[in-house]
Protein backbone atom coordinates (compact mmCIF):
# COMPACT_ATOMS: atom_id res chain seq x y z
CA MET A 1 20.41 39.84 18.33
CA SER A 2 20.69 38.34 21.85
CA ILE A 3 17.16 37.49 23.53
CA ASN A 4 16.66 37.91 27.27
CA VAL A 5 14.89 34.71 27.95
CA VAL A 6 13.42 34.82 31.72
CA ALA A 7 13.27 31.52 33.70
CA ARG A 8 12.67 32.29 37.09
CA ILE A 9 10.49 34.75 38.63
CA ASP A 10 8.34 35.51 41.93
CA GLN A 11 4.76 34.63 42.65
CA TRP A 12 4.64 37.52 45.22
CA VAL A 13 6.57 40.67 44.73
CA PRO A 14 6.78 43.08 47.62
CA VAL A 15 5.73 46.82 46.69
CA ARG A 16 8.85 49.05 47.83
CA HIS A 17 9.19 51.89 44.81
CA VAL A 18 5.91 53.27 43.27
CA LEU A 19 5.80 55.56 40.36
CA ILE A 20 2.53 57.74 40.25
CA SER A 21 1.77 60.33 37.37
CA VAL A 22 -1.69 60.60 36.47
CA SER A 23 -3.96 63.47 34.68
CA GLU A 24 -7.25 61.83 36.64
CA LYS A 25 -6.73 62.24 40.29
CA SER A 26 -9.52 60.53 41.26
CA GLY A 27 -9.16 58.02 44.25
CA LEU A 28 -5.60 58.79 44.52
CA ASP A 29 -6.00 59.53 48.35
CA ARG A 30 -7.53 56.00 49.06
CA LEU A 31 -4.81 54.48 46.94
CA VAL A 32 -1.83 56.24 48.47
CA GLU A 33 -3.64 55.40 52.34
CA GLY A 34 -3.93 51.83 51.05
CA LEU A 35 -0.40 51.68 50.07
CA LEU A 36 1.10 53.34 53.05
CA ALA A 37 -0.93 50.63 55.31
CA ALA A 38 -0.05 47.86 53.31
CA ALA A 39 3.61 48.94 52.97
CA PRO A 40 4.67 51.43 55.43
CA ARG A 41 7.92 52.16 53.89
CA VAL A 42 6.91 52.64 50.43
CA ARG A 43 8.87 55.31 48.30
CA ILE A 44 6.76 57.11 45.81
CA PHE A 45 8.18 59.08 42.73
CA SER A 46 6.13 61.51 41.14
CA THR A 47 5.80 64.74 38.62
CA GLY A 48 4.41 67.99 38.25
CA GLY A 49 0.71 68.49 39.33
CA THR A 50 0.60 64.98 40.97
CA HIS A 51 3.35 65.28 42.97
CA GLY A 52 1.57 68.47 44.25
CA ARG A 53 -1.58 66.51 44.87
CA LEU A 54 0.42 63.55 46.70
CA ARG A 55 2.42 66.55 49.27
CA GLU A 56 -1.43 67.58 49.93
CA ILE A 57 -2.67 63.84 50.66
CA LEU A 58 0.78 62.60 52.64
CA GLY A 59 1.13 65.96 54.47
CA GLU A 60 3.77 65.62 57.27
CA LYS A 61 4.39 61.73 55.92
CA ALA A 62 5.61 63.58 52.51
CA GLY A 63 9.23 63.65 53.64
CA ALA A 64 9.51 60.06 54.27
CA HIS A 65 7.64 58.62 51.02
CA LEU A 66 7.40 61.06 48.42
CA GLN A 67 10.43 61.96 46.12
CA GLN A 68 10.27 64.27 42.47
CA VAL A 69 11.27 62.29 39.60
CA SER A 70 13.52 64.95 38.80
CA ASP A 71 15.39 64.71 42.35
CA TYR A 72 15.65 61.02 41.80
CA THR A 73 17.07 60.98 38.42
CA GLY A 74 18.80 64.28 38.20
CA GLN A 75 17.30 65.72 35.64
CA ALA A 76 15.04 68.73 35.72
CA GLU A 77 11.73 68.84 33.86
CA THR A 78 11.96 70.42 30.40
CA GLN A 79 9.42 73.76 29.98
CA GLY A 80 5.92 72.89 30.19
CA GLY A 81 6.58 69.16 31.31
CA LEU A 82 7.30 68.31 27.74
CA VAL A 83 10.16 65.66 29.30
CA LYS A 84 9.64 64.37 32.66
CA THR A 85 9.92 60.64 33.01
CA LEU A 86 11.96 59.52 29.76
CA ASP A 87 15.08 58.53 31.35
CA PHE A 88 17.39 55.94 31.83
CA LYS A 89 17.04 55.13 35.82
CA ILE A 90 13.45 55.20 35.40
CA TYR A 91 13.30 52.36 32.58
CA LEU A 92 16.12 50.44 34.02
CA GLY A 93 14.00 50.08 37.26
CA LEU A 94 10.84 49.46 35.39
CA LEU A 95 12.34 46.62 33.08
CA THR A 96 14.86 45.12 35.66
CA GLU A 97 14.35 41.56 36.27
CA THR A 98 14.87 40.44 39.78
CA TYR A 99 17.21 37.25 38.86
CA ASN A 100 19.30 38.88 36.10
CA ASP A 101 22.79 39.59 37.92
CA ALA A 102 23.49 42.22 34.95
CA HIS A 103 20.55 43.92 35.54
CA GLN A 104 21.28 44.30 39.39
CA ALA A 105 24.66 45.38 38.48
CA ASP A 106 22.95 48.20 36.30
CA LEU A 107 20.99 49.35 39.21
CA ARG A 108 24.07 49.35 41.62
CA ARG A 109 25.86 51.30 38.76
CA THR A 110 23.22 53.97 38.48
CA SER A 111 22.18 54.29 41.90
CA ALA A 112 18.64 53.11 40.47
CA VAL A 113 16.30 51.26 42.31
CA PRO A 114 13.47 48.77 40.73
CA ILE A 115 10.04 50.21 40.79
CA ASP A 116 7.40 47.86 41.75
CA MET A 117 4.20 49.67 40.23
CA VAL A 118 3.29 52.23 38.07
CA VAL A 119 0.18 54.13 38.34
CA VAL A 120 -0.29 56.28 34.99
CA ASN A 121 -3.44 57.65 33.18
CA LEU A 122 -3.12 59.55 30.00
CA TYR A 123 -3.49 63.22 28.83
CA PRO A 124 -7.08 63.55 27.99
CA PHE A 125 -6.82 63.39 24.18
CA ARG A 126 -10.26 61.80 23.46
CA GLN A 127 -11.93 64.43 25.58
CA THR A 128 -9.80 67.02 23.97
CA VAL A 129 -10.76 66.57 20.42
CA ALA A 130 -14.20 65.78 21.63
CA GLN A 131 -14.69 69.66 22.00
CA ALA A 132 -15.92 71.93 19.35
CA GLY A 133 -13.52 74.18 17.90
CA VAL A 134 -10.55 72.26 18.62
CA SER A 135 -7.22 73.06 16.54
CA VAL A 136 -4.90 70.19 15.40
CA GLU A 137 -2.12 72.17 17.55
CA GLY A 138 -4.62 71.82 20.31
CA ALA A 139 -5.04 67.85 19.86
CA ARG A 140 -1.24 67.78 19.21
CA GLY A 141 -0.70 68.96 22.78
CA GLN A 142 -2.67 66.23 24.36
CA ILE A 143 -0.48 63.40 22.77
CA ASP A 144 0.99 61.66 25.64
CA ILE A 145 4.72 60.58 25.08
CA GLY A 146 6.06 59.14 28.62
CA GLY A 147 2.79 57.61 29.93
CA PRO A 148 2.21 55.08 27.22
CA CYS A 149 6.13 54.31 27.74
CA MET A 150 6.06 53.76 31.28
CA ILE A 151 2.52 51.56 30.95
CA ARG A 152 3.93 49.82 28.21
CA ALA A 153 7.33 49.14 29.97
CA ALA A 154 5.79 48.18 33.38
CA ALA A 155 3.22 46.07 31.66
CA LYS A 156 5.73 44.31 29.48
CA ASN A 157 7.72 43.46 32.78
CA PHE A 158 4.31 41.98 34.39
CA ILE A 159 6.87 39.38 35.92
CA ARG A 160 7.51 41.79 38.47
CA VAL A 161 5.65 45.15 37.95
CA ALA A 162 2.15 45.86 38.49
CA PRO A 163 1.24 48.67 35.74
CA VAL A 164 -2.16 50.48 36.94
CA VAL A 165 -4.06 52.46 34.55
CA ASP A 166 -7.64 52.48 35.76
CA PRO A 167 -8.42 54.24 39.02
CA GLY A 168 -11.73 51.66 39.32
CA ASP A 169 -8.82 49.28 39.95
CA TYR A 170 -7.52 50.87 43.11
CA ALA A 171 -9.75 49.01 45.52
CA ARG A 172 -8.64 45.83 44.22
CA ILE A 173 -5.06 46.58 44.34
CA THR A 174 -4.99 48.07 47.96
CA GLY A 175 -7.00 44.91 49.00
CA GLU A 176 -4.66 42.48 47.75
CA LEU A 177 -1.76 44.46 49.14
CA LYS A 178 -3.57 44.29 52.76
CA HIS A 179 -4.37 40.63 52.34
CA ASN A 180 -0.59 39.75 51.28
CA GLY A 181 1.84 41.40 53.31
CA GLY A 182 2.20 44.31 50.94
CA ARG A 183 2.79 41.97 47.78
CA THR A 184 1.26 41.88 44.64
CA SER A 185 0.59 38.58 42.89
CA LEU A 186 1.40 37.51 39.58
CA ALA A 187 -2.42 36.88 39.06
CA LEU A 188 -2.88 40.60 39.62
CA ARG A 189 0.09 41.94 37.68
CA PHE A 190 -0.91 39.63 34.56
CA ALA A 191 -4.53 40.98 34.69
CA LEU A 192 -3.43 44.72 35.06
CA ALA A 193 -0.70 44.03 31.91
CA GLN A 194 -3.47 43.01 30.01
CA LYS A 195 -5.93 46.07 30.73
CA ALA A 196 -2.70 48.06 30.17
CA PHE A 197 -2.20 47.19 26.54
CA ALA A 198 -5.60 47.38 25.82
CA HIS A 199 -5.46 50.83 27.27
CA THR A 200 -2.60 52.18 25.48
CA ALA A 201 -3.86 50.85 22.04
CA ASP A 202 -7.30 52.69 22.23
CA TYR A 203 -5.46 55.73 23.21
CA ASP A 204 -2.97 55.27 20.06
CA ARG A 205 -6.18 54.39 18.02
CA ALA A 206 -7.98 57.64 18.83
CA ILE A 207 -4.98 59.44 17.75
CA ALA A 208 -4.56 57.70 14.70
CA ASP A 209 -8.40 57.78 13.92
CA TYR A 210 -8.13 61.76 14.71
CA LEU A 211 -5.23 62.83 12.51
CA GLY A 212 -6.17 60.01 9.77
CA ALA A 213 -9.59 62.46 9.30
CA ARG A 214 -7.71 65.25 9.21
CA SER A 215 -6.26 67.02 5.91
CA LEU A 216 -2.88 68.66 5.76
CA ALA A 217 -4.61 72.28 5.00
CA GLU A 218 -6.29 71.72 8.68
CA ALA A 219 -2.88 70.45 9.85
CA ALA A 220 -0.80 73.37 8.46
CA GLY A 221 -3.28 76.17 8.85
CA CYS A 222 -2.54 76.03 12.74
CA TYR A 223 1.12 77.32 12.00
CA ASP A 224 2.93 80.31 10.94
CA LEU A 225 4.51 78.01 8.14
CA GLN A 226 8.11 79.00 7.56
CA ASP A 227 10.04 78.19 3.97
């Protein structure tokens, strides 16, 4: 198996393309305001309810800055939003490296763009299973797939991408963008990656603990089981 070894990276990365898909929407208005102030030509990709909230926040500016992920990828969301962001163009944009000629050729070939920041928080699994009377099926529906994948891809590529999982970091991020010409530093991206991997590990631990404490009878009892 060939291993891709990176030798050259940038200290500062301009934020031109951002993907935002969040369950917890607090602070989103301040984040977007800060993004536009620091990077006036920023392009934001989004999905579902987040797209609707961003359209409200952006108002007349939405046409210039906001695009549905499905319009970008050319693939409509599946029923109930089951598949929204699991797409080659998204992950190429997250994982591509600036000084890799093959990656840059792939971007041109697919009309994709490098994504410089991902703002994602996950389906509320812990909050759901903490409620009385929640079934295994109710819990299963709150297991996020696309969110952790995007977080992990962005965090893996901290050499170029900023993975944002905590609304509490919005002020720090927009402050750095403001003072550095709309660019993120390697120090910020690495710190965000550390937090991102801890976040997905905690999320998976919660799922594993919940399912590990259930019996097969509890799980099967949710369904009309067919032979």
